Amino acid sequence: MASIFSKIIAGEIPCHKIAENDKFIAFLDITPIREGHTLVVPKVEVDKIFDVDDTLLAEWLVFAKPVAKAIERAFPCDRCGISVIGLEVPHAHMHLVPIDTADDLNFTRKKLSVSQNDLKATKEKILANM
């Protein structure tokens, strides 16, 4: 069965897309831990990050880099943090999150409650800094 990310990639489920090419897509997390929280996902459905082909794994970071830089410019933060947890969706993905402390990457904290308008505004801020 296709993961929710595969359904987003196929256009079956809408998303707030930040970037896309033939191998990857970046879109906003709809339950962010901080404003600007973006998911970067390979289009090939592989459950675990270290099962991703070596070449694709390297290309994934290169694809994510300008997105991370745009997040840093769009939101007041010390840097854009990266986290790979992979427990909630069986499709390898990385989280890009604007952070000031390590605790800002604490995924056990309560998620932000955001509207579609909030997500649209967040998307526009990131895209304006790409």
Protein backbone atom coordinates (compact mmCIF):
# COMPACT_ATOMS: atom_id res chain seq x y z
CA MET A 1 0.00 0.00 0.00
CA ALA A 2 1.31 3.44 -0.92
CA SER A 3 2.42 5.67 1.95
CA ILE A 4 0.79 9.04 2.53
CA PHE A 5 3.97 10.60 1.08
CA SER A 6 3.62 8.54 -2.11
CA LYS A 7 0.04 9.81 -2.37
CA ILE A 8 1.28 13.41 -1.96
CA ILE A 9 3.97 12.81 -4.61
CA ALA A 10 1.31 11.38 -6.97
CA GLY A 11 -0.88 14.45 -6.42
CA GLU A 12 -3.64 12.42 -4.75
CA ILE A 13 -3.30 14.45 -1.54
CA PRO A 14 -2.59 18.20 -1.66
CA CYS A 15 0.42 19.73 0.03
CA HIS A 16 2.12 23.07 0.50
CA LYS A 17 5.02 22.37 -1.86
CA ILE A 18 8.30 24.20 -1.35
CA ALA A 19 10.47 22.49 -3.99
CA GLU A 20 10.41 19.52 -6.33
CA ASN A 21 12.50 17.79 -8.96
CA ASP A 22 12.37 14.37 -10.58
CA LYS A 23 13.75 12.62 -7.45
CA PHE A 24 12.57 14.63 -4.42
CA ILE A 25 9.83 16.82 -3.04
CA ALA A 26 9.84 19.26 -0.12
CA PHE A 27 6.60 20.35 1.50
CA LEU A 28 5.39 21.81 4.77
CA ASP A 29 4.58 19.52 7.68
CA ILE A 30 0.89 20.03 8.49
CA THR A 31 1.59 19.39 12.19
CA PRO A 32 4.80 21.42 12.61
CA ILE A 33 6.88 21.61 15.74
CA ARG A 34 7.95 25.13 14.69
CA GLU A 35 6.85 27.49 11.96
CA GLY A 36 8.78 26.61 8.79
CA HIS A 37 8.96 22.86 9.57
CA THR A 38 9.43 21.23 6.18
CA LEU A 39 9.61 17.60 5.09
CA VAL A 40 12.01 16.50 2.35
CA VAL A 41 11.08 13.19 0.78
CA PRO A 42 12.56 11.05 -1.97
CA LYS A 43 10.01 10.07 -4.59
CA VAL A 44 11.08 6.44 -4.42
CA GLU A 45 9.29 4.74 -1.54
CA VAL A 46 11.91 3.28 0.81
CA ASP A 47 11.07 2.82 4.49
CA LYS A 48 14.44 3.45 6.16
CA ILE A 49 16.90 6.20 5.31
CA PHE A 50 19.93 3.91 5.35
CA ASP A 51 18.23 1.61 2.85
CA VAL A 52 18.19 4.47 0.31
CA ASP A 53 20.69 4.02 -2.53
CA ASP A 54 24.01 5.78 -1.78
CA THR A 55 23.83 8.11 -4.78
CA LEU A 56 20.25 9.10 -4.00
CA LEU A 57 21.15 9.64 -0.35
CA ALA A 58 23.89 12.12 -1.31
CA GLU A 59 21.60 13.88 -3.82
CA TRP A 60 18.94 14.18 -1.12
CA LEU A 61 21.14 16.44 1.01
CA VAL A 62 22.08 18.55 -1.99
CA PHE A 63 18.37 18.97 -2.82
CA ALA A 64 17.57 19.89 0.81
CA LYS A 65 20.35 22.48 1.14
CA PRO A 66 18.69 25.46 -0.62
CA VAL A 67 15.43 24.69 1.19
CA ALA A 68 17.25 24.75 4.54
CA LYS A 69 18.99 28.02 3.64
CA ALA A 70 15.63 29.57 2.68
CA ILE A 71 14.13 28.44 6.01
CA GLU A 72 17.03 30.09 7.86
CA ARG A 73 16.44 33.36 5.99
CA ALA A 74 12.64 33.23 6.37
CA PHE A 75 12.43 32.64 10.13
CA PRO A 76 14.44 34.09 13.03
CA CYS A 77 16.59 31.17 14.16
CA ASP A 78 20.16 30.18 14.87
CA ARG A 79 20.13 27.55 12.11
CA CYS A 80 18.02 25.03 10.26
CA GLY A 81 18.14 21.72 12.08
CA ILE A 82 17.70 18.35 10.43
CA SER A 83 16.13 15.26 11.93
CA VAL A 84 15.43 11.82 10.58
CA ILE A 85 13.10 9.81 12.76
CA GLY A 86 10.98 7.84 10.33
CA LEU A 87 8.62 6.17 12.75
CA GLU A 88 5.38 7.88 11.79
CA VAL A 89 5.40 7.16 8.02
CA PRO A 90 7.07 4.11 6.41
CA HIS A 91 8.69 6.28 3.73
CA ALA A 92 12.14 7.77 4.39
CA HIS A 93 11.99 11.50 5.02
CA MET A 94 13.90 14.26 6.73
CA HIS A 95 12.58 17.12 8.79
CA LEU A 96 14.04 20.61 8.31
CA VAL A 97 13.20 22.82 11.28
CA PRO A 98 14.34 26.34 12.22
CA ILE A 99 16.03 25.96 15.62
CA ASP A 100 17.70 27.98 18.34
CA THR A 101 18.34 25.08 20.75
CA ALA A 102 18.49 21.30 20.50
CA ASP A 103 15.14 21.18 22.31
CA ASP A 104 13.53 22.79 19.26
CA LEU A 105 13.93 19.37 17.58
CA ASN A 106 12.00 17.62 20.35
CA PHE A 107 9.26 15.75 18.52
CA THR A 108 7.55 14.73 21.76
CA ARG A 109 6.48 18.34 22.35
CA LYS A 110 2.99 19.50 21.48
CA LYS A 111 2.67 20.31 17.78
CA LEU A 112 1.57 23.75 16.62
CA SER A 113 -2.05 24.23 15.68
CA VAL A 114 -1.97 25.82 12.23
CA SER A 115 -4.60 26.66 9.65
CA GLN A 116 -4.34 26.31 5.89
CA ASN A 117 -3.88 30.09 5.76
CA ASP A 118 -0.99 29.81 8.24
CA LEU A 119 0.62 27.14 6.07
CA LYS A 120 0.12 29.25 2.95
CA ALA A 121 1.82 32.22 4.65
CA THR A 122 4.70 30.00 5.82
CA LYS A 123 5.13 28.62 2.31
CA GLU A 124 5.22 32.13 0.87
CA LYS A 125 7.91 33.19 3.39
CA ILE A 126 10.12 30.25 2.46
CA LEU A 127 9.59 30.64 -1.29
CA ALA A 128 10.41 34.36 -1.07
CA ASN A 129 13.81 33.32 0.32
CA MET A 130 14.65 30.57 -2.17
